[in-house]
């Protein structure tokens, strides 16, 4: 199975989740706008979601996957099953204690950590605490689910883990539809969404649990013990969790700072939803697939294949991410207007969210490159170095956000996140090169500037098209006119970019077919039949 096909398998599931996520955000924007209930829900959901990224996706995709893959090679499925059961027992116990402690401390944590700016509005603060208490057990489901997703990825079964997150957005969209036709008020919508998040966590866990059983590994509960393998996992997981969740750490910091300005928290979240589409489809797919592939190549002593995997992953990342960044930078306002401007969401909200989105676009390539560079460390079981860079990134983000927020508001927080992302990606690449773990091949070095030229041509064309179609994008234009105009610009931009990229030699189909297909594919595990 080629690397591109694996990227496509994970990316398609992520794409489906993001599309349903758009539907969810569009309906929430219409129902709640950027008002106090929206602020409370986004702040409350950010809390368990951050822990999920820190202690689940970040830690287990970075630390668990290489160790699980090593157990498969050393002891077969039986050895991997024993290791996974040992980890399951310890992980479940830690999560249970953490959840109980956080539920008891929730009022304090929200008041002084997550949303200190809500203190001036007791009703909004109370609603945030209530929603966070409902949603926090989601962490248990998603952390155990992330462990099982890591097992599936190591077994070359990517589909179930990629499709499970879709159900969060399906369930929340269903709740919003019921709320719309049932005439729920804002507070009732918030409560229903909170219970929907918890329900979705249970559904997602069930999907990957049965997928693991179907893959031939049934997990039983063992009394939690700190065995040698578990200690090794925990030693690797702590820095990996911080590193893998760096975007969420910065988002959490931004949420806490933004809580001091009404409307800033939902504005950041709505913009985040848009740029998360390319970040999720490209960045998450590259990170999930590259780590086990790179770890396998390094264990086999195949440094040539490892170098090829890294270079092709970055090339794939830039090929799809650079045009997305250019589009967000040049047409953010039409995108936001078509997606969100209806119901309680006003033209003033559109202007603010569009400004935030265009700034996030500047940081998008950096956010995705971090996903492509960190497997170069994790596959070598080095999780401490990326953790240090993540700490630097957080420090840059906090200091820049505190500096810019008083004068710029929400766009200042977006600027801080973009700057921190570029600092983090630059440090990761620089040390990989210094250690001799990265060598850019001639193809990557030759094609990158040509992709930049193709993006510049596309951005210029988008600017002209948006200016020409300004009457169609006006707030008073019917939604179908706005959507048609946006679709025309997007299609035209794609034609120009891909035409220029292939015409200038920034991309080549033959190169992709030759270099992405793994040399040892014939002996690799079969693809996921799902």
Protein backbone atom coordinates (compact mmCIF):
# COMPACT_ATOMS: atom_id res chain seq x y z
CA UNK A 1 0.00 0.00 0.00
CA UNK A 2 1.60 3.30 -1.09
CA UNK A 3 2.24 6.17 1.29
CA UNK A 4 -0.18 8.36 -0.65
CA UNK A 5 -2.93 5.72 -0.36
CA UNK A 6 -2.34 5.56 3.38
CA UNK A 7 -2.45 9.36 3.59
CA UNK A 8 -5.66 9.26 1.56
CA UNK A 9 -7.25 6.64 3.85
CA UNK A 10 -6.61 8.69 6.98
CA UNK A 11 -7.21 11.98 5.20
CA UNK A 12 -10.58 10.90 3.81
CA UNK A 13 -11.86 10.02 7.26
CA UNK A 14 -10.55 13.31 8.60
CA UNK A 15 -12.08 15.17 5.65
CA UNK A 16 -15.48 13.63 6.36
CA UNK A 17 -15.19 14.61 10.02
CA UNK A 18 -14.20 18.16 9.10
CA UNK A 19 -17.10 18.50 6.65
CA UNK A 20 -19.57 17.45 9.33
CA UNK A 21 -17.70 19.81 11.62
CA UNK A 22 -18.41 22.64 9.21
CA UNK A 23 -22.09 21.75 9.25
CA UNK A 24 -22.02 21.75 13.04
CA UNK A 25 -20.30 25.14 13.26
CA UNK A 26 -22.60 26.68 10.66
CA UNK A 27 -25.64 25.57 12.62
CA UNK A 28 -24.13 26.68 15.94
CA UNK A 29 -23.24 30.08 14.50
CA UNK A 30 -26.81 30.52 13.29
CA UNK A 31 -28.31 29.35 16.59
CA UNK A 32 -25.92 30.96 19.07
CA UNK A 33 -23.81 33.50 17.14
CA UNK A 34 -20.87 34.65 19.27
CA UNK A 35 -23.02 35.17 22.38
CA UNK A 36 -22.54 33.96 25.97
CA UNK A 37 -23.81 30.39 25.44
CA UNK A 38 -21.43 29.93 22.51
CA UNK A 39 -18.59 31.32 24.62
CA UNK A 40 -19.44 28.94 27.48
CA UNK A 41 -19.66 25.86 25.24
CA UNK A 42 -16.42 26.53 23.35
CA UNK A 43 -14.49 27.28 26.54
CA UNK A 44 -15.88 24.18 28.30
CA UNK A 45 -15.24 21.86 25.34
CA UNK A 46 -11.72 23.22 24.92
CA UNK A 47 -10.84 21.83 28.36
CA UNK A 48 -11.40 18.07 27.83
CA UNK A 49 -10.36 18.42 24.19
CA UNK A 50 -6.97 19.78 25.26
CA UNK A 51 -6.44 16.90 27.68
CA UNK A 52 -7.42 14.50 24.90
CA UNK A 53 -4.73 15.89 22.63
CA UNK A 54 -2.13 15.99 25.40
CA UNK A 55 -2.65 12.60 27.03
CA UNK A 56 -4.26 10.66 24.21
CA UNK A 57 -3.42 11.51 20.61
CA UNK A 58 -0.09 13.20 21.29
CA UNK A 59 1.24 10.68 23.80
CA UNK A 60 0.05 7.46 22.19
CA UNK A 61 0.70 8.27 18.57
CA UNK A 62 4.22 9.31 19.61
CA UNK A 63 5.18 6.85 22.34
CA UNK A 64 2.80 3.89 22.18
CA UNK A 65 2.98 3.19 18.43
CA UNK A 66 6.76 2.50 18.19
CA UNK A 67 6.69 0.33 21.34
CA UNK A 68 3.62 -1.60 20.20
CA UNK A 69 5.17 -2.13 16.77
CA UNK A 70 8.35 -3.40 18.42
CA UNK A 71 6.34 -5.87 20.53
CA UNK A 72 4.65 -7.19 17.39
CA UNK A 73 8.01 -7.84 15.74
CA UNK A 74 9.60 -9.32 18.88
CA UNK A 75 6.76 -11.38 20.34
CA UNK A 76 4.10 -11.48 17.66
CA UNK A 77 0.43 -10.73 18.33
CA UNK A 78 0.54 -12.49 21.72
CA UNK A 79 3.34 -10.23 22.97
CA UNK A 80 1.63 -7.13 21.63
CA UNK A 81 -1.64 -8.19 23.31
CA UNK A 82 0.08 -8.58 26.69
CA UNK A 83 1.73 -5.17 26.35
CA UNK A 84 -1.52 -3.48 25.34
CA UNK A 85 -3.37 -5.01 28.31
CA UNK A 86 -0.67 -3.79 30.70
CA UNK A 87 -0.98 -0.29 29.25
CA UNK A 88 -4.78 -0.41 29.27
CA UNK A 89 -4.89 -1.21 32.99
CA UNK A 90 -2.55 1.63 33.94
CA UNK A 91 -4.09 4.13 31.54
CA UNK A 92 -7.66 3.47 32.66
CA UNK A 93 -6.69 3.84 36.33
CA UNK A 94 -4.88 7.13 35.72
CA UNK A 95 -7.76 8.51 33.69
CA UNK A 96 -10.33 7.54 36.31
CA UNK A 97 -8.41 9.29 39.10
CA UNK A 98 -7.79 12.34 36.89
CA UNK A 99 -11.45 12.61 35.93
CA UNK A 100 -12.68 12.41 39.52
CA UNK A 101 -10.15 15.03 40.62
CA UNK A 102 -11.03 17.41 37.79
CA UNK A 103 -14.77 17.04 38.37
CA UNK A 104 -14.30 18.05 42.00
CA UNK A 105 -12.02 20.96 41.11
CA UNK A 106 -13.99 22.12 38.05
CA UNK A 107 -15.29 25.47 39.44
CA UNK A 108 -11.80 26.47 40.52
CA UNK A 109 -10.14 25.33 37.27
CA UNK A 110 -12.61 27.17 35.03
CA UNK A 111 -12.58 30.31 37.18
CA UNK A 112 -8.81 30.67 37.41
CA UNK A 113 -7.43 28.64 34.52
CA UNK A 114 -9.65 28.12 31.48
CA UNK A 115 -11.83 31.24 31.36
CA UNK A 116 -10.75 33.81 33.95
CA UNK A 117 -12.39 36.54 31.89
CA UNK A 118 -15.83 35.03 32.56
CA UNK A 119 -15.63 35.94 36.26
CA UNK A 120 -17.43 39.22 35.58
CA UNK A 121 -20.46 37.30 34.28
CA UNK A 122 -21.53 34.76 36.97
CA UNK A 123 -24.24 33.18 34.77
CA UNK A 124 -21.79 32.54 31.91
CA UNK A 125 -19.16 31.23 34.34
CA UNK A 126 -21.66 28.83 35.95
CA UNK A 127 -22.82 27.50 32.57
CA UNK A 128 -19.19 26.92 31.54
CA UNK A 129 -18.51 24.95 34.73
CA UNK A 130 -21.66 22.84 34.23
CA UNK A 131 -20.84 22.03 30.59
CA UNK A 132 -17.21 21.22 31.39
CA UNK A 133 -18.33 18.82 34.14
CA UNK A 134 -20.65 17.05 31.68
CA UNK A 135 -18.05 16.78 28.94
CA UNK A 136 -14.86 15.96 30.87
CA UNK A 137 -15.51 12.16 31.03
CA UNK A 138 -15.18 12.34 27.22
CA UNK A 139 -11.45 12.27 28.01
CA UNK A 140 -11.61 8.66 29.25
CA UNK A 141 -13.33 7.46 26.09
CA UNK A 142 -11.03 9.32 23.74
CA UNK A 143 -7.79 8.42 25.55
CA UNK A 144 -8.59 4.70 25.51
CA UNK A 145 -9.78 5.12 21.93
CA UNK A 146 -6.50 6.79 20.96
CA UNK A 147 -4.57 3.83 22.37
CA UNK A 148 -6.64 1.43 20.27
CA UNK A 149 -6.29 3.67 17.23
CA UNK A 150 -2.52 3.48 17.67
CA UNK A 151 -2.77 -0.31 17.70
CA UNK A 152 -4.81 -0.25 14.50
CA UNK A 153 -2.32 2.07 12.79
CA UNK A 154 0.57 -0.23 13.75
CA UNK A 155 -1.37 -3.11 12.21
CA UNK A 156 -1.80 -1.11 8.96
CA UNK A 157 -5.55 -0.72 9.62
CA UNK A 158 -6.21 2.99 9.29
CA UNK A 159 -9.87 3.28 8.33
CA UNK A 160 -11.72 2.65 11.63
CA UNK A 161 -9.51 5.04 13.58
CA UNK A 162 -9.90 7.68 10.87
CA UNK A 163 -13.69 7.37 10.60
CA UNK A 164 -14.53 7.23 14.34
CA UNK A 165 -14.18 11.01 14.94
CA UNK A 166 -16.87 11.63 12.32
CA UNK A 167 -19.50 10.48 14.82
CA UNK A 168 -18.85 13.39 17.17
CA UNK A 169 -19.98 15.82 14.52
CA UNK A 170 -22.81 13.59 13.27
CA UNK A 171 -24.27 13.42 16.78
CA UNK A 172 -23.88 17.16 17.42
CA UNK A 173 -25.43 18.03 14.05
CA UNK A 174 -28.37 15.77 14.89
CA UNK A 175 -28.82 17.54 18.23
CA UNK A 176 -28.75 20.96 16.54
CA UNK A 177 -31.38 19.84 14.00
CA UNK A 178 -33.65 18.63 16.82
CA UNK A 179 -33.02 21.85 18.76
CA UNK A 180 -33.82 23.96 15.69
CA UNK A 181 -37.17 22.26 15.04
CA UNK A 182 -37.94 21.96 18.75
CA UNK A 183 -37.45 25.67 19.40
CA UNK A 184 -34.85 25.18 22.16
CA UNK A 185 -33.47 28.30 23.81
CA UNK A 186 -29.72 28.95 23.91
CA UNK A 187 -29.10 27.40 27.32
CA UNK A 188 -31.00 24.23 26.39
CA UNK A 189 -28.93 23.95 23.20
CA UNK A 190 -25.73 24.24 25.22
CA UNK A 191 -26.78 21.51 27.64
CA UNK A 192 -27.85 19.20 24.81
CA UNK A 193 -24.52 19.69 23.04
CA UNK A 194 -22.63 18.90 26.23
CA UNK A 195 -24.40 15.55 26.65
CA UNK A 196 -23.92 14.94 22.92
CA UNK A 197 -20.15 15.24 23.28
CA UNK A 198 -20.12 12.60 26.02
CA UNK A 199 -22.34 10.27 23.97
CA UNK A 200 -20.06 10.68 20.97
CA UNK A 201 -17.03 9.68 23.04
CA UNK A 202 -18.72 6.40 23.98
CA UNK A 203 -19.63 5.70 20.34
CA UNK A 204 -16.10 6.45 19.10
CA UNK A 205 -14.55 4.17 21.71
CA UNK A 206 -16.90 1.36 20.72
CA UNK A 207 -15.92 1.68 17.04
CA UNK A 208 -12.17 1.30 17.59
CA UNK A 209 -12.65 -1.34 20.30
CA UNK A 210 -14.51 -3.65 17.94
CA UNK A 211 -12.07 -2.84 15.12
CA UNK A 212 -9.16 -3.99 17.31
CA UNK A 213 -10.99 -7.21 18.14
CA UNK A 214 -11.64 -7.73 14.45
CA UNK A 215 -7.92 -7.25 13.81
CA UNK A 216 -7.23 -10.24 16.06
CA UNK A 217 -6.25 -8.48 19.30
CA UNK A 218 -8.77 -8.74 22.16
CA UNK A 219 -7.90 -6.51 25.12
CA UNK A 220 -8.72 -7.66 28.64
CA UNK A 221 -8.34 -5.66 31.84
CA UNK A 222 -5.23 -6.37 33.93
CA UNK A 223 -4.48 -5.08 37.40
CA UNK A 224 -2.45 -1.91 36.87
CA UNK A 225 1.28 -2.61 37.32
CA UNK A 226 4.29 -0.53 36.38
CA UNK A 227 6.06 -3.16 34.30
CA UNK A 228 9.27 -2.39 32.43
CA UNK A 229 7.38 -1.71 29.19
CA UNK A 230 4.81 0.49 30.92
CA UNK A 231 7.55 2.52 32.63
CA UNK A 232 9.24 2.97 29.27
CA UNK A 233 5.95 4.12 27.76
CA UNK A 234 5.30 6.63 30.54
CA UNK A 235 8.87 7.95 30.24
CA UNK A 236 8.31 8.58 26.55
CA UNK A 237 4.67 9.64 26.80
CA UNK A 238 4.96 12.68 29.06
CA UNK A 239 7.15 14.77 26.74
CA UNK A 240 5.38 13.29 23.71
CA UNK A 241 2.03 14.38 25.11
CA UNK A 242 3.21 17.95 25.48
CA UNK A 243 4.78 17.93 22.03
CA UNK A 244 1.88 16.26 20.24
CA UNK A 245 -0.61 18.61 21.83
CA UNK A 246 1.31 21.84 21.25
CA UNK A 247 -1.39 23.29 19.00
CA UNK A 248 -3.99 22.54 21.66
CA UNK A 249 -1.81 24.02 24.40
CA UNK A 250 -1.51 27.23 22.42
CA UNK A 251 -5.25 27.18 21.71
CA UNK A 252 -6.01 26.72 25.41
CA UNK A 253 -3.73 29.63 26.28
CA UNK A 254 -5.45 31.72 23.62
CA UNK A 255 -8.87 30.79 25.00
CA UNK A 256 -7.90 31.84 28.52
CA UNK A 257 -6.60 35.21 27.31
CA UNK A 258 -9.52 35.75 24.92
CA UNK A 259 -12.09 35.13 27.65
CA UNK A 260 -11.51 38.72 28.76
CA UNK A 261 -13.14 40.12 25.61
CA UNK A 262 -16.80 39.31 24.73
CA UNK A 263 -17.10 37.33 21.49
CA UNK A 264 -13.38 36.61 21.16
CA UNK A 265 -13.56 32.93 22.21
CA UNK A 266 -16.19 31.84 19.64
CA UNK A 267 -14.50 33.99 16.95
CA UNK A 268 -11.25 32.08 17.45
CA UNK A 269 -13.05 28.73 17.47
CA UNK A 270 -15.04 29.43 14.30
CA UNK A 271 -11.88 30.49 12.46
CA UNK A 272 -10.07 27.48 13.89
CA UNK A 273 -12.71 25.16 12.41
CA UNK A 274 -11.96 26.43 8.88
CA UNK A 275 -8.19 26.13 8.95
CA UNK A 276 -8.45 22.78 10.74
CA UNK A 277 -9.75 21.29 7.47
CA UNK A 278 -6.40 21.39 5.62
CA UNK A 279 -4.50 20.92 8.89
CA UNK A 280 -6.49 17.78 9.69
CA UNK A 281 -6.66 16.30 6.22
CA UNK A 282 -2.97 16.82 5.45
CA UNK A 283 -1.21 17.26 8.79
CA UNK A 284 -2.96 14.57 10.81
CA UNK A 285 -2.79 12.10 7.92
CA UNK A 286 0.95 12.67 7.48
CA UNK A 287 1.65 12.43 11.21
CA UNK A 288 -0.43 9.28 11.76
CA UNK A 289 0.94 7.39 8.75
CA UNK A 290 4.54 8.60 8.78
CA UNK A 291 5.36 7.62 12.38
CA UNK A 292 4.88 3.82 12.12
CA UNK A 293 6.33 3.77 8.59
CA UNK A 294 9.42 5.72 9.65
CA UNK A 295 9.89 3.67 12.83
CA UNK A 296 9.72 0.47 10.79
CA UNK A 297 12.31 1.69 8.28
CA UNK A 298 14.72 2.81 11.02
CA UNK A 299 14.43 -0.49 12.92
CA UNK A 300 15.27 -2.31 9.69
CA UNK A 301 18.34 -0.10 9.26
CA UNK A 302 17.00 1.25 5.97
CA UNK A 303 18.16 4.87 6.23
CA UNK A 304 17.60 5.50 2.52
CA UNK A 305 13.93 4.58 2.78
CA UNK A 306 13.62 6.64 5.99
CA UNK A 307 15.04 9.71 4.24
CA UNK A 308 12.74 9.15 1.27
CA UNK A 309 9.70 8.87 3.55
CA UNK A 310 10.54 12.15 5.27
CA UNK A 311 11.19 14.06 2.08
CA UNK A 312 8.12 12.76 0.29
CA UNK A 313 5.95 13.57 3.33
CA UNK A 314 7.17 17.17 3.43
CA UNK A 315 6.74 17.46 -0.32
CA UNK A 316 3.17 16.15 -0.05
CA UNK A 317 2.55 18.55 2.85
CA UNK A 318 3.76 21.62 0.97
CA UNK A 319 2.00 20.64 -2.24
CA UNK A 320 -1.42 20.73 -0.54
CA UNK A 321 -0.87 23.17 2.32
CA UNK A 322 0.73 26.14 0.58
CA UNK A 323 -2.27 26.79 -1.71
CA UNK A 324 -4.66 26.37 1.24
CA UNK A 325 -2.71 28.99 3.17
CA UNK A 326 -2.72 31.37 0.21
CA UNK A 327 -6.47 30.93 -0.22
CA UNK A 328 -7.20 31.63 3.45
CA UNK A 329 -5.03 34.73 3.28
CA UNK A 330 -6.73 36.19 0.21
CA UNK A 331 -10.38 35.13 0.47
CA UNK A 332 -11.09 34.71 4.17
CA UNK A 333 -14.07 37.08 4.26
CA UNK A 334 -16.10 35.40 1.48
CA UNK A 335 -15.42 32.01 3.06
CA UNK A 336 -16.62 33.13 6.49
CA UNK A 337 -19.66 34.94 5.08
CA UNK A 338 -20.86 31.91 3.12
CA UNK A 339 -20.22 29.48 5.97
CA UNK A 340 -21.51 31.41 8.96
CA UNK A 341 -23.32 34.69 8.26
CA UNK A 342 -26.95 33.95 9.02
CA UNK A 343 -29.26 33.94 12.02
CA UNK A 344 -27.48 35.33 15.09
CA UNK A 345 -24.16 35.69 13.22
CA UNK A 346 -23.78 39.30 12.01
CA UNK A 347 -21.64 41.02 9.31
CA UNK A 348 -19.52 42.44 12.15
CA UNK A 349 -18.87 38.88 13.33
CA UNK A 350 -17.86 37.97 9.77
CA UNK A 351 -15.27 40.76 9.61
CA UNK A 352 -13.66 39.68 12.90
CA UNK A 353 -13.62 35.94 12.17
CA UNK A 354 -12.25 36.58 8.65
CA UNK A 355 -9.39 38.64 10.05
CA UNK A 356 -8.53 35.87 12.50
CA UNK A 357 -8.79 33.23 9.76
CA UNK A 358 -6.44 35.04 7.38
CA UNK A 359 -3.81 35.21 10.13
CA UNK A 360 -4.23 31.51 10.89
CA UNK A 361 -3.62 30.95 7.17
CA UNK A 362 -0.15 32.45 7.52
CA UNK A 363 0.66 29.90 10.22
CA UNK A 364 -1.00 26.92 8.51
CA UNK A 365 2.12 25.58 6.71
CA UNK A 366 4.05 25.72 9.98
CA UNK A 367 1.33 23.86 11.89
CA UNK A 368 1.34 21.08 9.28
CA UNK A 369 5.14 20.90 8.99
CA UNK A 370 5.34 20.30 12.74
CA UNK A 371 3.27 17.15 12.12
CA UNK A 372 5.74 16.08 9.43
CA UNK A 373 8.92 16.84 11.40
CA UNK A 374 8.08 15.36 14.81
CA UNK A 375 7.95 11.70 13.61
CA UNK A 376 11.67 12.10 12.82
CA UNK A 377 12.21 12.34 16.59
CA UNK A 378 9.48 10.04 17.85
CA UNK A 379 10.48 7.17 15.55
CA UNK A 380 13.91 7.29 17.23
CA UNK A 381 12.20 7.28 20.66
CA UNK A 382 13.37 10.84 21.29
CA UNK A 383 10.40 12.68 22.76
CA UNK A 384 12.35 15.09 24.98
CA UNK A 385 13.79 17.30 22.23
CA UNK A 386 10.40 18.12 20.64
CA UNK A 387 9.05 18.73 24.15
CA UNK A 388 11.69 21.40 24.74
CA UNK A 389 10.83 23.05 21.44
CA UNK A 390 7.15 22.85 22.34
CA UNK A 391 7.93 24.66 25.60
CA UNK A 392 9.72 27.40 23.65
CA UNK A 393 6.74 27.64 21.32
CA UNK A 394 4.31 28.00 24.23
CA UNK A 395 6.47 30.70 25.79
CA UNK A 396 6.55 32.59 22.47
CA UNK A 397 2.79 32.19 22.11
CA UNK A 398 1.95 33.41 25.61
CA UNK A 399 4.28 36.41 25.52
CA UNK A 400 3.19 37.47 22.03
CA UNK A 401 -0.52 37.01 22.82
CA UNK A 402 -0.28 39.05 26.02
CA UNK A 403 1.57 41.75 24.11
CA UNK A 404 -0.84 41.95 21.15
CA UNK A 405 -4.23 41.16 22.70
CA UNK A 406 -4.81 44.53 24.43
CA UNK A 407 -4.52 46.37 21.11
CA UNK A 408 -5.57 43.76 18.52
CA UNK A 409 -8.05 41.54 20.38
CA UNK A 410 -8.69 38.09 18.88
CA UNK A 411 -6.44 38.70 15.80
CA UNK A 412 -3.56 39.27 18.22
CA UNK A 413 -4.02 35.77 19.63
CA UNK A 414 -4.09 34.31 16.10
CA UNK A 415 -0.88 36.19 15.29
CA UNK A 416 0.79 34.77 18.39
CA UNK A 417 -0.22 31.23 17.42
CA UNK A 418 1.16 31.66 13.89
CA UNK A 419 4.49 33.03 15.16
CA UNK A 420 4.78 30.20 17.69
CA UNK A 421 4.07 27.63 14.97
CA UNK A 422 6.85 28.90 12.73
CA UNK A 423 9.29 28.99 15.65
CA UNK A 424 8.45 25.39 16.55
CA UNK A 425 8.73 24.04 12.99
CA UNK A 426 12.01 25.92 12.44
CA UNK A 427 13.58 24.45 15.59
CA UNK A 428 12.44 20.92 14.73
CA UNK A 429 13.88 21.07 11.23
CA UNK A 430 17.12 22.76 12.30
CA UNK A 431 18.01 20.10 14.87
CA UNK A 432 17.07 17.23 12.53
CA UNK A 433 19.52 18.67 10.01
CA UNK A 434 22.21 19.29 12.64
CA UNK A 435 22.00 15.67 13.85
CA UNK A 436 22.18 14.28 10.34
CA UNK A 437 18.65 12.89 10.59
CA UNK A 438 17.38 14.97 7.72
CA UNK A 439 18.79 15.50 4.25
CA UNK A 440 16.68 17.35 1.75
CA UNK A 441 17.01 15.64 -1.61
CA UNK A 442 17.41 17.45 -4.90
CA UNK A 443 13.78 16.91 -5.88
CA UNK A 444 12.40 18.57 -2.75
CA UNK A 445 14.80 21.52 -3.00
CA UNK A 446 14.01 22.01 -6.68
CA UNK A 447 10.24 21.74 -6.43
CA UNK A 448 9.57 23.85 -3.31
CA UNK A 449 10.31 27.29 -4.85
CA UNK A 450 8.25 26.35 -7.90
CA UNK A 451 5.30 25.53 -5.67
CA UNK A 452 5.70 28.97 -4.07
CA UNK A 453 5.56 30.62 -7.49
CA UNK A 454 2.41 28.64 -8.35
CA UNK A 455 0.84 29.78 -5.06
CA UNK A 456 1.70 33.40 -5.77
CA UNK A 457 0.02 33.18 -9.20
CA UNK A 458 -3.05 31.61 -7.63
CA UNK A 459 -3.23 34.23 -4.85
CA UNK A 460 -3.05 37.06 -7.38
CA UNK A 461 -5.86 35.51 -9.40
CA UNK A 462 -8.01 35.05 -6.27
CA UNK A 463 -7.53 38.70 -5.30
CA UNK A 464 -8.64 39.87 -8.74
CA UNK A 465 -11.62 37.48 -8.78
CA UNK A 466 -12.84 38.48 -5.30
CA UNK A 467 -12.57 42.15 -6.22
CA UNK A 468 -14.48 41.61 -9.46
CA UNK A 469 -17.18 39.55 -7.72
CA UNK A 470 -17.55 41.96 -4.79
CA UNK A 471 -21.26 42.64 -5.53
CA UNK A 472 -21.99 38.90 -5.42
CA UNK A 473 -20.21 38.60 -2.05
CA UNK A 474 -22.07 41.54 -0.49
CA UNK A 475 -23.99 40.69 2.73
CA UNK A 476 -27.33 41.51 1.10
CA UNK A 477 -26.80 39.03 -1.75
CA UNK A 478 -28.77 35.75 -1.50
CA UNK A 479 -26.82 32.87 -0.03
CA UNK A 480 -27.01 30.85 -3.25
CA UNK A 481 -25.39 33.74 -5.16
CA UNK A 482 -22.61 34.04 -2.59
CA UNK A 483 -22.03 30.28 -2.53
CA UNK A 484 -21.95 30.06 -6.34
CA UNK A 485 -19.44 32.89 -6.56
CA UNK A 486 -17.26 31.28 -3.89
CA UNK A 487 -17.40 27.92 -5.64
CA UNK A 488 -16.39 29.55 -8.93
CA UNK A 489 -13.40 31.25 -7.29
CA UNK A 490 -12.31 28.03 -5.59
CA UNK A 491 -12.54 25.98 -8.79
CA UNK A 492 -10.71 28.65 -10.77
CA UNK A 493 -8.00 28.87 -8.11
CA UNK A 494 -7.51 25.09 -8.18
CA UNK A 495 -7.18 25.08 -11.96
CA UNK A 496 -4.59 27.87 -11.85
CA UNK A 497 -2.59 26.38 -8.98
CA UNK A 498 -2.44 22.78 -10.19
CA UNK A 499 -1.83 23.93 -13.75
CA UNK A 500 1.05 26.15 -12.64
CA UNK A 501 2.45 23.57 -10.19
CA UNK A 502 2.64 20.84 -12.81
CA UNK A 503 3.57 23.24 -15.60
CA UNK A 504 6.48 24.78 -13.68
CA UNK A 505 7.73 21.41 -12.44
CA UNK A 506 6.71 21.92 -8.83
CA UNK A 507 4.89 18.58 -8.95
CA UNK A 508 5.07 15.55 -11.18
CA UNK A 509 2.68 12.59 -11.22
CA UNK A 510 5.39 10.19 -12.31
CA UNK A 511 7.59 11.27 -9.42
CA UNK A 512 4.76 10.75 -6.95
CA UNK A 513 4.09 7.24 -8.27
CA UNK A 514 7.77 6.27 -8.23
CA UNK A 515 8.88 7.72 -4.92
CA UNK A 516 5.86 7.30 -2.67
CA UNK A 517 5.36 3.57 -3.18
CA UNK A 518 7.27 1.70 -0.48
CA UNK A 519 10.05 -0.54 -1.76
CA UNK A 520 9.12 -3.36 0.60
CA UNK A 521 5.43 -3.10 0.01
CA UNK A 522 5.10 -6.65 -1.19
CA UNK A 523 6.09 -7.95 2.22
CA UNK A 524 4.14 -5.41 4.21
CA UNK A 525 1.02 -6.28 6.12
CA UNK A 526 -2.14 -6.29 4.03
CA UNK A 527 -4.23 -3.19 3.83
CA UNK A 528 -7.24 -2.72 6.03
CA UNK A 529 -10.09 -4.59 4.33
CA UNK A 530 -12.51 -1.96 5.63
